[in-house]
Structures are given as structure tokens and as C-alpha cells.
PDB file of all heavy atoms in Angstrom:
ATOM      1  N   GLY A   1       5.592   1.070  -9.474  1.00  0.00           N
ATOM      2  CA  GLY A   1       7.047   1.151  -9.730  1.00  0.00           C
ATOM      3  C   GLY A   1       7.681  -0.202  -9.745  1.00  0.00           C
ATOM      4  O   GLY A   1       7.157  -1.218  -9.187  1.00  0.00           O
ATOM      5  N   LEU A   2       8.794  -0.294 -10.459  1.00  0.00           N
ATOM      6  CA  LEU A   2       9.602  -1.546 -10.492  1.00  0.00           C
ATOM      7  C   LEU A   2      11.052  -1.170 -10.334  1.00  0.00           C
ATOM      8  O   LEU A   2      11.552  -0.268 -11.031  1.00  0.00           O
ATOM      9  CB  LEU A   2       9.373  -2.263 -11.842  1.00  0.00           C
ATOM     10  CG  LEU A   2       8.530  -3.523 -11.860  1.00  0.00           C
ATOM     11  CD1 LEU A   2       8.284  -3.964 -13.305  1.00  0.00           C
ATOM     12  CD2 LEU A   2       9.217  -4.649 -11.098  1.00  0.00           C
ATOM     13  N   ALA A   3      11.718  -1.799  -9.445  1.00  0.00           N
ATOM     14  CA  ALA A   3      13.141  -1.545  -9.230  1.00  0.00           C
ATOM     15  C   ALA A   3      13.838  -2.822  -8.815  1.00  0.00           C
ATOM     16  O   ALA A   3      13.179  -3.798  -8.400  1.00  0.00           O
ATOM     17  CB  ALA A   3      13.338  -0.465  -8.157  1.00  0.00           C
ATOM     18  N   ILE A   4      15.168  -2.843  -8.948  1.00  0.00           N
ATOM     19  CA  ILE A   4      15.950  -4.009  -8.502  1.00  0.00           C
ATOM     20  C   ILE A   4      16.174  -3.899  -6.997  1.00  0.00           C
ATOM     21  O   ILE A   4      16.749  -2.953  -6.530  1.00  0.00           O
ATOM     22  CB  ILE A   4      17.290  -4.096  -9.259  1.00  0.00           C
ATOM     23  CG1 ILE A   4      17.060  -4.076 -10.750  1.00  0.00           C
ATOM     24  CG2 ILE A   4      18.064  -5.353  -8.813  1.00  0.00           C
ATOM     25  CD1 ILE A   4      16.269  -5.213 -11.297  1.00  0.00           C
ATOM     26  N   ASP A   5      15.718  -4.900  -6.265  1.00  0.00           N
ATOM     27  CA  ASP A   5      15.894  -4.928  -4.815  1.00  0.00           C
ATOM     28  C   ASP A   5      17.084  -5.841  -4.501  1.00  0.00           C
ATOM     29  O   ASP A   5      17.036  -7.044  -4.745  1.00  0.00           O
ATOM     30  CB  ASP A   5      14.616  -5.460  -4.149  1.00  0.00           C
ATOM     31  CG  ASP A   5      14.690  -5.382  -2.627  1.00  0.00           C
ATOM     32  OD1 ASP A   5      15.693  -5.762  -2.045  1.00  0.00           O
ATOM     33  OD2 ASP A   5      13.678  -4.906  -2.037  1.00  0.00           O
ATOM     34  N   ARG A   6      18.162  -5.241  -3.967  1.00  0.00           N
ATOM     35  CA  ARG A   6      19.377  -6.016  -3.735  1.00  0.00           C
ATOM     36  C   ARG A   6      19.196  -7.030  -2.590  1.00  0.00           C
ATOM     37  O   ARG A   6      19.884  -8.031  -2.527  1.00  0.00           O
ATOM     38  CB  ARG A   6      20.537  -5.068  -3.444  1.00  0.00           C
ATOM     39  CG  ARG A   6      20.875  -4.210  -4.647  1.00  0.00           C
ATOM     40  CD  ARG A   6      22.142  -3.391  -4.400  1.00  0.00           C
ATOM     41  NE  ARG A   6      22.414  -2.496  -5.531  1.00  0.00           N
ATOM     42  CZ  ARG A   6      23.000  -2.865  -6.656  1.00  0.00           C
ATOM     43  NH1 ARG A   6      23.394  -4.128  -6.804  1.00  0.00           N
ATOM     44  NH2 ARG A   6      23.236  -2.037  -7.637  1.00  0.00           N
ATOM     45  N   ASN A   7      18.285  -6.730  -1.655  1.00  0.00           N
ATOM     46  CA  ASN A   7      18.055  -7.699  -0.590  1.00  0.00           C
ATOM     47  C   ASN A   7      17.360  -8.938  -1.109  1.00  0.00           C
ATOM     48  O   ASN A   7      17.710 -10.078  -0.729  1.00  0.00           O
ATOM     49  CB  ASN A   7      17.203  -7.061   0.498  1.00  0.00           C
ATOM     50  CG  ASN A   7      17.965  -5.989   1.270  1.00  0.00           C
ATOM     51  OD1 ASN A   7      19.162  -6.099   1.478  1.00  0.00           O
ATOM     52  ND2 ASN A   7      17.260  -4.934   1.723  1.00  0.00           N
ATOM     53  N   HIS A   8      16.358  -8.757  -1.996  1.00  0.00           N
ATOM     54  CA  HIS A   8      15.663  -9.901  -2.570  1.00  0.00           C
ATOM     55  C   HIS A   8      16.404 -10.502  -3.765  1.00  0.00           C
ATOM     56  O   HIS A   8      16.062 -11.584  -4.234  1.00  0.00           O
ATOM     57  CB  HIS A   8      14.279  -9.461  -3.041  1.00  0.00           C
ATOM     58  CG  HIS A   8      13.294  -9.217  -1.899  1.00  0.00           C
ATOM     59  ND1 HIS A   8      13.155  -8.002  -1.304  1.00  0.00           N
ATOM     60  CD2 HIS A   8      12.434 -10.074  -1.282  1.00  0.00           C
ATOM     61  CE1 HIS A   8      12.217  -8.066  -0.339  1.00  0.00           C
ATOM     62  NE2 HIS A   8      11.770  -9.313  -0.326  1.00  0.00           N
ATOM     63  N   LYS A   9      17.370  -9.727  -4.309  1.00  0.00           N
ATOM     64  CA  LYS A   9      18.145 -10.174  -5.469  1.00  0.00           C
ATOM     65  C   LYS A   9      17.254 -10.419  -6.701  1.00  0.00           C
ATOM     66  O   LYS A   9      17.453 -11.367  -7.452  1.00  0.00           O
ATOM     67  CB  LYS A   9      18.969 -11.418  -5.171  1.00  0.00           C
ATOM     68  CG  LYS A   9      20.009 -11.239  -4.068  1.00  0.00           C
ATOM     69  CD  LYS A   9      20.828 -12.463  -3.823  1.00  0.00           C
ATOM     70  CE  LYS A   9      21.908 -12.240  -2.789  1.00  0.00           C
ATOM     71  NZ  LYS A   9      21.366 -11.861  -1.455  1.00  0.00           N
ATOM     72  N   ARG A  10      16.299  -9.544  -6.845  1.00  0.00           N
ATOM     73  CA  ARG A  10      15.349  -9.665  -7.959  1.00  0.00           C
ATOM     74  C   ARG A  10      14.555  -8.375  -8.062  1.00  0.00           C
ATOM     75  O   ARG A  10      14.582  -7.522  -7.134  1.00  0.00           O
ATOM     76  CB  ARG A  10      14.421 -10.844  -7.742  1.00  0.00           C
ATOM     77  CG  ARG A  10      13.508 -10.710  -6.512  1.00  0.00           C
ATOM     78  CD  ARG A  10      12.732 -11.993  -6.262  1.00  0.00           C
ATOM     79  NE  ARG A  10      13.624 -13.091  -5.944  1.00  0.00           N
ATOM     80  CZ  ARG A  10      13.252 -14.382  -5.950  1.00  0.00           C
ATOM     81  NH1 ARG A  10      12.033 -14.711  -6.286  1.00  0.00           N
ATOM     82  NH2 ARG A  10      14.135 -15.334  -5.658  1.00  0.00           N
ATOM     83  N   PRO A  11      13.819  -8.149  -9.152  1.00  0.00           N
ATOM     84  CA  PRO A  11      12.950  -6.986  -9.260  1.00  0.00           C
ATOM     85  C   PRO A  11      11.812  -7.070  -8.278  1.00  0.00           C
ATOM     86  O   PRO A  11      11.367  -8.189  -7.901  1.00  0.00           O
ATOM     87  CB  PRO A  11      12.393  -7.055 -10.667  1.00  0.00           C
ATOM     88  CG  PRO A  11      13.323  -7.957 -11.438  1.00  0.00           C
ATOM     89  CD  PRO A  11      13.789  -8.944 -10.428  1.00  0.00           C
ATOM     90  N   VAL A  12      11.358  -5.932  -7.782  1.00  0.00           N
ATOM     91  CA  VAL A  12      10.233  -5.885  -6.885  1.00  0.00           C
ATOM     92  C   VAL A  12       9.238  -4.850  -7.379  1.00  0.00           C
ATOM     93  O   VAL A  12       9.598  -3.709  -7.685  1.00  0.00           O
ATOM     94  CB  VAL A  12      10.700  -5.539  -5.423  1.00  0.00           C
ATOM     95  CG1 VAL A  12       9.488  -5.258  -4.520  1.00  0.00           C
ATOM     96  CG2 VAL A  12      11.538  -6.613  -4.855  1.00  0.00           C
ATOM     97  N   VAL A  13       7.977  -5.292  -7.495  1.00  0.00           N
ATOM     98  CA  VAL A  13       6.900  -4.366  -7.847  1.00  0.00           C
ATOM     99  C   VAL A  13       6.498  -3.599  -6.616  1.00  0.00           C
ATOM    100  O   VAL A  13       6.336  -4.164  -5.529  1.00  0.00           O
ATOM    101  CB  VAL A  13       5.691  -5.124  -8.403  1.00  0.00           C
ATOM    102  CG1 VAL A  13       4.547  -4.163  -8.724  1.00  0.00           C
ATOM    103  CG2 VAL A  13       6.072  -5.920  -9.642  1.00  0.00           C
ATOM    104  N   MET A  14       6.355  -2.280  -6.748  1.00  0.00           N
ATOM    105  CA  MET A  14       5.870  -1.430  -5.684  1.00  0.00           C
ATOM    106  C   MET A  14       4.616  -0.747  -6.182  1.00  0.00           C
ATOM    107  O   MET A  14       4.615  -0.119  -7.235  1.00  0.00           O
ATOM    108  CB  MET A  14       6.921  -0.396  -5.275  1.00  0.00           C
ATOM    109  CG  MET A  14       8.233  -1.019  -4.750  1.00  0.00           C
ATOM    110  SD  MET A  14       9.531   0.234  -4.617  1.00  0.00           S
ATOM    111  CE  MET A  14       9.909   0.500  -6.371  1.00  0.00           C
ATOM    112  N   ALA A  15       3.551  -0.864  -5.415  1.00  0.00           N
ATOM    113  CA  ALA A  15       2.289  -0.274  -5.818  1.00  0.00           C
ATOM    114  C   ALA A  15       1.604   0.406  -4.630  1.00  0.00           C
ATOM    115  O   ALA A  15       1.802  -0.008  -3.491  1.00  0.00           O
ATOM    116  CB  ALA A  15       1.342  -1.377  -6.382  1.00  0.00           C
ATOM    117  N   SER A  16       0.898   1.476  -4.911  1.00  0.00           N
ATOM    118  CA  SER A  16       0.264   2.253  -3.848  1.00  0.00           C
ATOM    119  C   SER A  16      -0.976   2.922  -4.379  1.00  0.00           C
ATOM    120  O   SER A  16      -1.089   3.295  -5.513  1.00  0.00           O
ATOM    121  CB  SER A  16       1.220   3.269  -3.302  1.00  0.00           C
ATOM    122  OG  SER A  16       0.579   4.104  -2.329  1.00  0.00           O
ATOM    123  N   THR A  17      -1.962   3.090  -3.480  1.00  0.00           N
ATOM    124  CA  THR A  17      -3.168   3.834  -3.803  1.00  0.00           C
ATOM    125  C   THR A  17      -2.911   5.334  -3.826  1.00  0.00           C
ATOM    126  O   THR A  17      -3.730   6.082  -4.246  1.00  0.00           O
ATOM    127  CB  THR A  17      -4.297   3.545  -2.755  1.00  0.00           C
ATOM    128  OG1 THR A  17      -3.777   3.812  -1.450  1.00  0.00           O
ATOM    129  CG2 THR A  17      -4.738   2.069  -2.825  1.00  0.00           C
ATOM    130  N   GLU A  18      -1.733   5.732  -3.317  1.00  0.00           N
ATOM    131  CA  GLU A  18      -1.371   7.178  -3.238  1.00  0.00           C
ATOM    132  C   GLU A  18      -0.629   7.579  -4.482  1.00  0.00           C
ATOM    133  O   GLU A  18       0.555   7.908  -4.446  1.00  0.00           O
ATOM    134  CB  GLU A  18      -0.547   7.412  -1.974  1.00  0.00           C
ATOM    135  CG  GLU A  18      -1.195   6.935  -0.711  1.00  0.00           C
ATOM    136  CD  GLU A  18      -2.577   7.629  -0.479  1.00  0.00           C
ATOM    137  OE1 GLU A  18      -2.595   8.860  -0.359  1.00  0.00           O
ATOM    138  OE2 GLU A  18      -3.547   6.900  -0.412  1.00  0.00           O
ATOM    139  N   GLY A  19      -1.291   7.619  -5.625  1.00  0.00           N
ATOM    140  CA  GLY A  19      -0.676   8.058  -6.860  1.00  0.00           C
ATOM    141  C   GLY A  19      -0.729   9.555  -7.031  1.00  0.00           C
ATOM    142  O   GLY A  19      -1.526  10.251  -6.395  1.00  0.00           O
ATOM    143  N   GLY A  20       0.148  10.085  -7.930  1.00  0.00           N
ATOM    144  CA  GLY A  20       0.116  11.487  -8.193  1.00  0.00           C
ATOM    145  C   GLY A  20       0.833  12.348  -7.211  1.00  0.00           C
ATOM    146  O   GLY A  20       0.898  13.588  -7.362  1.00  0.00           O
ATOM    147  N   VAL A  21       1.440  11.748  -6.193  1.00  0.00           N
ATOM    148  CA  VAL A  21       2.229  12.504  -5.215  1.00  0.00           C
ATOM    149  C   VAL A  21       3.637  11.873  -5.146  1.00  0.00           C
ATOM    150  O   VAL A  21       3.902  10.872  -5.719  1.00  0.00           O
ATOM    151  CB  VAL A  21       1.570  12.475  -3.797  1.00  0.00           C
ATOM    152  CG1 VAL A  21       0.220  13.137  -3.860  1.00  0.00           C
ATOM    153  CG2 VAL A  21       1.457  11.039  -3.277  1.00  0.00           C
ATOM    154  N   GLU A  22       4.524  12.579  -4.411  1.00  0.00           N
ATOM    155  CA  GLU A  22       5.889  12.068  -4.276  1.00  0.00           C
ATOM    156  C   GLU A  22       5.900  10.761  -3.484  1.00  0.00           C
ATOM    157  O   GLU A  22       5.535  10.777  -2.309  1.00  0.00           O
ATOM    158  CB  GLU A  22       6.748  13.129  -3.591  1.00  0.00           C
ATOM    159  CG  GLU A  22       6.869  14.420  -4.394  1.00  0.00           C
ATOM    160  CD  GLU A  22       7.461  15.523  -3.556  1.00  0.00           C
ATOM    161  OE1 GLU A  22       8.242  15.191  -2.628  1.00  0.00           O
ATOM    162  OE2 GLU A  22       7.218  16.713  -3.851  1.00  0.00           O
ATOM    163  N   ILE A  23       6.312   9.669  -4.095  1.00  0.00           N
ATOM    164  CA  ILE A  23       6.283   8.377  -3.467  1.00  0.00           C
ATOM    165  C   ILE A  23       7.239   8.343  -2.270  1.00  0.00           C
ATOM    166  O   ILE A  23       7.024   7.592  -1.306  1.00  0.00           O
ATOM    167  CB  ILE A  23       6.594   7.250  -4.482  1.00  0.00           C
ATOM    168  CG1 ILE A  23       6.215   5.859  -3.908  1.00  0.00           C
ATOM    169  CG2 ILE A  23       8.047   7.316  -4.899  1.00  0.00           C
ATOM    170  CD1 ILE A  23       4.747   5.721  -3.604  1.00  0.00           C
ATOM    171  N   GLU A  24       8.309   9.139  -2.313  1.00  0.00           N
ATOM    172  CA  GLU A  24       9.253   9.180  -1.194  1.00  0.00           C
ATOM    173  C   GLU A  24       8.515   9.668   0.085  1.00  0.00           C
ATOM    174  O   GLU A  24       8.810   9.195   1.174  1.00  0.00           O
ATOM    175  CB  GLU A  24      10.431  10.107  -1.507  1.00  0.00           C
ATOM    176  CG  GLU A  24      11.299   9.652  -2.655  1.00  0.00           C
ATOM    177  CD  GLU A  24      10.784  10.083  -4.022  1.00  0.00           C
ATOM    178  OE1 GLU A  24       9.698  10.750  -4.071  1.00  0.00           O
ATOM    179  OE2 GLU A  24      11.442   9.775  -5.037  1.00  0.00           O
ATOM    180  N   LYS A  25       7.613  10.606  -0.134  1.00  0.00           N
ATOM    181  CA  LYS A  25       6.890  11.145   1.008  1.00  0.00           C
ATOM    182  C   LYS A  25       5.906  10.070   1.578  1.00  0.00           C
ATOM    183  O   LYS A  25       5.772   9.966   2.786  1.00  0.00           O
ATOM    184  CB  LYS A  25       6.078  12.356   0.606  1.00  0.00           C
ATOM    185  CG  LYS A  25       5.389  13.120   1.701  1.00  0.00           C
ATOM    186  CD  LYS A  25       4.683  14.360   1.181  1.00  0.00           C
ATOM    187  CE  LYS A  25       3.991  15.097   2.330  1.00  0.00           C
ATOM    188  NZ  LYS A  25       3.318  16.339   1.857  1.00  0.00           N
ATOM    189  N   VAL A  26       5.306   9.328   0.676  1.00  0.00           N
ATOM    190  CA  VAL A  26       4.425   8.245   1.115  1.00  0.00           C
ATOM    191  C   VAL A  26       5.217   7.205   1.888  1.00  0.00           C
ATOM    192  O   VAL A  26       4.787   6.727   2.940  1.00  0.00           O
ATOM    193  CB  VAL A  26       3.724   7.598  -0.098  1.00  0.00           C
ATOM    194  CG1 VAL A  26       2.857   6.419   0.352  1.00  0.00           C
ATOM    195  CG2 VAL A  26       2.873   8.600  -0.842  1.00  0.00           C
ATOM    196  N   ALA A  27       6.375   6.811   1.370  1.00  0.00           N
ATOM    197  CA  ALA A  27       7.202   5.822   2.002  1.00  0.00           C
ATOM    198  C   ALA A  27       7.626   6.238   3.395  1.00  0.00           C
ATOM    199  O   ALA A  27       7.756   5.407   4.319  1.00  0.00           O
ATOM    200  CB  ALA A  27       8.436   5.526   1.134  1.00  0.00           C
ATOM    201  N   GLU A  28       7.847   7.541   3.565  1.00  0.00           N
ATOM    202  CA  GLU A  28       8.329   8.054   4.858  1.00  0.00           C
ATOM    203  C   GLU A  28       7.214   8.214   5.843  1.00  0.00           C
ATOM    204  O   GLU A  28       7.342   7.853   7.022  1.00  0.00           O
ATOM    205  CB  GLU A  28       9.008   9.437   4.641  1.00  0.00           C
ATOM    206  CG  GLU A  28       9.535  10.060   5.897  1.00  0.00           C
ATOM    207  CD  GLU A  28      10.220  11.378   5.684  1.00  0.00           C
ATOM    208  OE1 GLU A  28      10.359  11.811   4.517  1.00  0.00           O
ATOM    209  OE2 GLU A  28      10.596  12.046   6.672  1.00  0.00           O
ATOM    210  N   GLU A  29       6.054   8.704   5.369  1.00  0.00           N
ATOM    211  CA  GLU A  29       4.952   9.043   6.295  1.00  0.00           C
ATOM    212  C   GLU A  29       3.933   7.912   6.490  1.00  0.00           C
ATOM    213  O   GLU A  29       3.423   7.724   7.586  1.00  0.00           O
ATOM    214  CB  GLU A  29       4.257  10.316   5.848  1.00  0.00           C
ATOM    215  CG  GLU A  29       5.198  11.533   5.840  1.00  0.00           C
ATOM    216  CD  GLU A  29       4.492  12.778   5.349  1.00  0.00           C
ATOM    217  OE1 GLU A  29       3.298  12.681   4.945  1.00  0.00           O
ATOM    218  OE2 GLU A  29       5.147  13.869   5.274  1.00  0.00           O
ATOM    219  N   THR A  30       3.649   7.189   5.424  1.00  0.00           N
ATOM    220  CA  THR A  30       2.611   6.101   5.472  1.00  0.00           C
ATOM    221  C   THR A  30       3.141   4.891   4.724  1.00  0.00           C
ATOM    222  O   THR A  30       2.556   4.520   3.673  1.00  0.00           O
ATOM    223  CB  THR A  30       1.282   6.586   4.910  1.00  0.00           C
ATOM    224  OG1 THR A  30       1.474   7.118   3.573  1.00  0.00           O
ATOM    225  CG2 THR A  30       0.620   7.647   5.812  1.00  0.00           C
TER     226      THR A  30
END
């Protein structure tokens, strides 16, 4: 994923080995 991170004031790449599932769940649990 790529999104604008207001804290960094720039785009931030987000990558995970946990593809195919809800990334919100990954962010919360692991």
C-alpha cells in the first residue's frame, strides 16, 4: 500500500507478508 502520512509529511510505502486478508486486522493484531 501507499498513502500520504501526515506525520512524515510524505508518502509512505506499507508492505506485509500477510496479503489477501484485511490489512486493518493485521495492523491491529500483528
